[in-house]
C-alpha atoms as a PDB file:
ATOM      1  CA  MET A   1       0.000   0.000   0.000  1.00  0.00           C
ATOM      2  CA  VAL A   2       1.330   3.416  -0.947  1.00  0.00           C
ATOM      3  CA  TRP A   3       1.162   6.150   1.679  1.00  0.00           C
ATOM      4  CA  VAL A   4       0.009   9.542   0.391  1.00  0.00           C
ATOM      5  CA  ASP A   5       0.699  12.674   2.384  1.00  0.00           C
ATOM      6  CA  PRO A   6      -2.757  14.226   3.037  1.00  0.00           C
ATOM      7  CA  PHE A   7      -1.223  17.711   3.035  1.00  0.00           C
ATOM      8  CA  ASP A   8       0.092  17.184  -0.515  1.00  0.00           C
ATOM      9  CA  GLU A   9      -3.425  16.281  -1.559  1.00  0.00           C
ATOM     10  CA  MET A  10      -4.826  19.379   0.186  1.00  0.00           C
ATOM     11  CA  ARG A  11      -2.260  21.605  -1.572  1.00  0.00           C
ATOM     12  CA  ARG A  12      -3.176  20.014  -4.922  1.00  0.00           C
ATOM     13  CA  MET A  13      -6.862  20.675  -4.243  1.00  0.00           C
ATOM     14  CA  GLN A  14      -6.096  24.297  -3.285  1.00  0.00           C
ATOM     15  CA  ARG A  15      -4.181  24.855  -6.554  1.00  0.00           C
ATOM     16  CA  GLU A  16      -7.067  23.327  -8.517  1.00  0.00           C
ATOM     17  CA  MET A  17      -9.621  25.548  -6.750  1.00  0.00           C
ATOM     18  CA  ASP A  18      -7.444  28.638  -7.353  1.00  0.00           C
ATOM     19  CA  ARG A  19      -7.280  27.727 -11.045  1.00  0.00           C
ATOM     20  CA  MET A  20     -11.042  27.212 -11.278  1.00  0.00           C
ATOM     21  CA  PHE A  21     -11.849  30.523  -9.561  1.00  0.00           C
ATOM     22  CA  SER A  22      -9.357  32.431 -11.663  1.00  0.00           C
ATOM     23  CA  ASP A  23     -10.929  30.909 -14.808  1.00  0.00           C
ATOM     24  CA  VAL A  24     -14.358  32.100 -13.653  1.00  0.00           C
ATOM     25  CA  LEU A  25     -13.068  35.615 -12.980  1.00  0.00           C
ATOM     26  CA  ARG A  26     -11.588  35.790 -16.494  1.00  0.00           C
ATOM     27  CA  ARG A  27     -14.980  35.228 -18.129  1.00  0.00           C
ATOM     28  CA  PRO A  28     -16.253  38.363 -19.884  1.00  0.00           C
ATOM     29  CA  GLU A  29     -19.558  38.332 -17.995  1.00  0.00           C
ATOM     30  CA  MET A  30     -17.671  38.369 -14.663  1.00  0.00           C
ATOM     31  CA  GLN A  31     -15.475  41.315 -15.630  1.00  0.00           C
ATOM     32  CA  SER A  32     -16.228  44.981 -15.268  1.00  0.00           C
ATOM     33  CA  ASN A  33     -15.835  46.250 -18.849  1.00  0.00           C
ATOM     34  CA  PHE A  34     -16.080  49.950 -19.582  1.00  0.00           C
ATOM     35  CA  GLY A  35     -14.498  49.826 -23.017  1.00  0.00           C
ATOM     36  CA  SER A  36     -12.105  47.716 -25.031  1.00  0.00           C
ATOM     37  CA  GLU A  37      -9.010  48.819 -23.117  1.00  0.00           C
ATOM     38  CA  SER A  38     -10.420  48.528 -19.607  1.00  0.00           C
ATOM     39  CA  GLY A  39     -11.778  46.012 -17.160  1.00  0.00           C
ATOM     40  CA  TRP A  40     -10.054  43.666 -14.744  1.00  0.00           C
ATOM     41  CA  ARG A  41      -6.949  41.948 -16.023  1.00  0.00           C
ATOM     42  CA  GLU A  42      -4.682  39.353 -14.502  1.00  0.00           C
ATOM     43  CA  PRO A  43      -1.108  40.655 -14.455  1.00  0.00           C
ATOM     44  CA  LEU A  44       1.793  38.493 -15.544  1.00  0.00           C
ATOM     45  CA  ALA A  45       3.626  37.116 -12.536  1.00  0.00           C
ATOM     46  CA  ASP A  46       6.814  35.241 -11.664  1.00  0.00           C
ATOM     47  CA  MET A  47       7.510  33.504  -8.365  1.00  0.00           C
ATOM     48  CA  TRP A  48      10.637  31.880  -6.968  1.00  0.00           C
ATOM     49  CA  GLU A  49      11.946  30.965  -3.564  1.00  0.00           C
ATOM     50  CA  THR A  50      15.232  30.798  -1.738  1.00  0.00           C
ATOM     51  CA  ASP A  51      16.039  29.243   1.628  1.00  0.00           C
ATOM     52  CA  ASP A  52      14.977  32.476   3.374  1.00  0.00           C
ATOM     53  CA  ALA A  53      12.197  34.030   1.291  1.00  0.00           C
ATOM     54  CA  VAL A  54       9.598  33.803  -1.458  1.00  0.00           C
ATOM     55  CA  PHE A  55       9.823  36.429  -4.217  1.00  0.00           C
ATOM     56  CA  VAL A  56       6.952  37.489  -6.478  1.00  0.00           C
ATOM     57  CA  THR A  57       7.095  39.971  -9.350  1.00  0.00           C
ATOM     58  CA  LEU A  58       4.019  41.264 -11.161  1.00  0.00           C
ATOM     59  CA  GLU A  59       3.740  43.469 -14.228  1.00  0.00           C
ATOM     60  CA  LEU A  60       1.407  46.404 -13.506  1.00  0.00           C
ATOM     61  CA  PRO A  61       2.017  48.938 -16.285  1.00  0.00           C
ATOM     62  CA  GLY A  62       0.580  52.428 -16.161  1.00  0.00           C
ATOM     63  CA  VAL A  63      -0.581  52.501 -12.542  1.00  0.00           C
ATOM     64  CA  SER A  64       0.502  54.571  -9.573  1.00  0.00           C
ATOM     65  CA  LYS A  65       2.023  52.794  -6.588  1.00  0.00           C
ATOM     66  CA  ASP A  66      -0.648  54.481  -4.440  1.00  0.00           C
ATOM     67  CA  ASP A  67      -3.352  52.509  -6.308  1.00  0.00           C
ATOM     68  CA  ILE A  68      -1.779  49.106  -5.500  1.00  0.00           C
ATOM     69  CA  LYS A  69      -3.347  47.125  -2.658  1.00  0.00           C
ATOM     70  CA  LEU A  70      -1.637  44.069  -1.159  1.00  0.00           C
ATOM     71  CA  ASN A  71      -3.269  41.539   1.129  1.00  0.00           C
ATOM     72  CA  ILE A  72      -0.832  38.955   2.470  1.00  0.00           C
ATOM     73  CA  THR A  73      -1.532  35.952   4.667  1.00  0.00           C
ATOM     74  CA  GLU A  74       0.939  33.275   5.659  1.00  0.00           C
ATOM     75  CA  ASN A  75       0.100  31.192   2.585  1.00  0.00           C
ATOM     76  CA  GLN A  76      -1.463  33.565   0.018  1.00  0.00           C
ATOM     77  CA  LEU A  77      -0.726  36.856  -1.731  1.00  0.00           C
ATOM     78  CA  GLU A  78      -3.507  38.964  -3.183  1.00  0.00           C
ATOM     79  CA  VAL A  79      -2.759  42.000  -5.380  1.00  0.00           C
ATOM     80  CA  SER A  80      -5.412  44.393  -6.666  1.00  0.00           C
ATOM     81  CA  VAL A  81      -5.292  47.721  -8.463  1.00  0.00           C
ATOM     82  CA  ASP A  82      -8.299  49.921  -9.118  1.00  0.00           C
ATOM     83  CA  PHE A  83      -7.454  52.793 -11.454  1.00  0.00           C
ATOM     84  CA  HIS A  84      -9.794  55.673 -12.345  1.00  0.00           C
ATOM     85  CA  LYS A  85      -8.936  58.598 -14.584  1.00  0.00           C
ATOM     86  CA  GLU A  86     -11.132  61.457 -15.781  1.00  0.00           C
ATOM     87  CA  GLU A  87     -10.379  64.098 -18.391  1.00  0.00           C
ATOM     88  CA  LYS A  88     -12.483  67.147 -19.170  1.00  0.00           C
ATOM     89  CA  GLU A  89     -12.001  69.564 -22.029  1.00  0.00           C
ATOM     90  CA  GLU A  90     -14.223  72.505 -22.732  1.00  0.00           C
ATOM     91  CA  LYS A  91     -13.874  74.722 -25.786  1.00  0.00           C
ATOM     92  CA  SER A  92     -16.278  77.013 -27.515  1.00  0.00           C
ATOM     93  CA  GLY A  93     -18.872  74.885 -29.220  1.00  0.00           C
ATOM     94  CA  TYR A  94     -18.176  71.537 -27.536  1.00  0.00           C
ATOM     95  CA  LYS A  95     -17.357  69.696 -24.360  1.00  0.00           C
ATOM     96  CA  ARG A  96     -15.408  66.454 -24.041  1.00  0.00           C
ATOM     97  CA  PHE A  97     -15.484  64.160 -21.011  1.00  0.00           C
ATOM     98  CA  GLU A  98     -13.484  60.940 -20.866  1.00  0.00           C
ATOM     99  CA  ARG A  99     -13.403  58.383 -18.110  1.00  0.00           C
ATOM    100  CA  GLN A 100     -11.086  55.409 -17.819  1.00  0.00           C
ATOM    101  CA  TYR A 101     -11.561  52.514 -15.433  1.00  0.00           C
ATOM    102  CA  ARG A 102      -8.983  49.756 -15.260  1.00  0.00           C
ATOM    103  CA  GLY A 103      -7.967  47.184 -12.775  1.00  0.00           C
ATOM    104  CA  PHE A 104      -5.649  44.304 -12.087  1.00  0.00           C
ATOM    105  CA  TYR A 105      -6.284  41.381  -9.774  1.00  0.00           C
ATOM    106  CA  ARG A 106      -4.193  38.344  -8.941  1.00  0.00           C
ATOM    107  CA  ALA A 107      -4.306  35.881  -6.047  1.00  0.00           C
ATOM    108  CA  VAL A 108      -1.325  33.564  -5.661  1.00  0.00           C
ATOM    109  CA  SER A 109      -0.938  30.572  -3.352  1.00  0.00           C
ATOM    110  CA  LEU A 110       2.535  30.658  -1.842  1.00  0.00           C
ATOM    111  CA  PRO A 111       4.801  27.585  -1.843  1.00  0.00           C
ATOM    112  CA  ALA A 112       5.812  28.054   1.806  1.00  0.00           C
ATOM    113  CA  LYS A 113       4.492  29.783   4.912  1.00  0.00           C
ATOM    114  CA  VAL A 114       5.658  33.388   5.156  1.00  0.00           C
ATOM    115  CA  ILE A 115       5.657  36.180   7.746  1.00  0.00           C
ATOM    116  CA  PRO A 116       3.178  38.757   6.351  1.00  0.00           C
ATOM    117  CA  ASP A 117       4.283  41.555   8.716  1.00  0.00           C
ATOM    118  CA  LYS A 118       7.838  41.463   7.370  1.00  0.00           C
ATOM    119  CA  ALA A 119       6.963  41.611   3.665  1.00  0.00           C
ATOM    120  CA  GLU A 120       8.704  44.246   1.536  1.00  0.00           C
ATOM    121  CA  ALA A 121       7.329  45.619  -1.732  1.00  0.00           C
ATOM    122  CA  THR A 122       8.861  47.939  -4.329  1.00  0.00           C
ATOM    123  CA  TYR A 123       7.302  49.311  -7.507  1.00  0.00           C
ATOM    124  CA  LYS A 124       9.486  50.598 -10.329  1.00  0.00           C
ATOM    125  CA  ASN A 125       8.926  50.985 -14.088  1.00  0.00           C
ATOM    126  CA  GLY A 126       5.613  49.082 -14.009  1.00  0.00           C
ATOM    127  CA  VAL A 127       6.993  46.084 -12.102  1.00  0.00           C
ATOM    128  CA  LEU A 128       5.963  45.255  -8.543  1.00  0.00           C
ATOM    129  CA  GLU A 129       8.472  43.122  -6.632  1.00  0.00           C
ATOM    130  CA  ILE A 130       7.502  41.565  -3.315  1.00  0.00           C
ATOM    131  CA  LYS A 131       9.855  39.823  -0.892  1.00  0.00           C
ATOM    132  CA  LEU A 132       8.125  37.555   1.623  1.00  0.00           C
ATOM    133  CA  PRO A 133      10.387  36.184   4.380  1.00  0.00           C
ATOM    134  CA  LYS A 134       9.676  32.548   5.142  1.00  0.00           C
ATOM    135  CA  ALA A 135       8.393  31.536   8.544  1.00  0.00           C
ATOM    136  CA  GLU A 136      10.881  29.482  10.503  1.00  0.00           C
ATOM    137  CA  LYS A 137      10.266  25.786  10.425  1.00  0.00           C
ATOM    138  CA  LYS A 138       9.857  24.274  13.851  1.00  0.00           C
ATOM    139  CA  LYS A 139      12.576  21.778  14.528  1.00  0.00           C
ATOM    140  CA  GLY A 140      11.532  18.294  15.469  1.00  0.00           C
ATOM    141  CA  VAL A 141      12.432  16.723  18.778  1.00  0.00           C
ATOM    142  CA  GLN A 142      14.417  13.533  18.840  1.00  0.00           C
ATOM    143  CA  VAL A 143      13.104  10.882  21.147  1.00  0.00           C
ATOM    144  CA  LYS A 144      15.018   7.787  22.197  1.00  0.00           C
ATOM    145  CA  VAL A 145      13.173   4.539  21.843  1.00  0.00           C
ATOM    146  CA  LYS A 146      13.297   2.508  25.066  1.00  0.00           C
END
């Protein structure tokens, strides 16, 4: 009989649920569309880990760092951006009003437990980089068999 780690199975199920929900959110009827260039989009992302931390980079072009919202738990990162822009032009004979609404959303399951309070984020040239320090693993106790 082959032993299967139940936590591996739970992680697999979590990844599958994340994929299913992200597929639903990408459907046109679930998106907030205010024109061909707007609506919620899923930014491109890269993730890697070292012994000490998990790193995530996301491409968020054309937004201000003040519009970026991060929600971090010990096993998930959620990034959202809600961008609104209005332009008004008034000349003799006509008025022009333009409104732009755009947004980005991405939820990522992390490969290891992290310490949310110690996360660091920088935004430069349309790229958001997040460093998430890993939580220390508790060391096991050795017990002598009598």
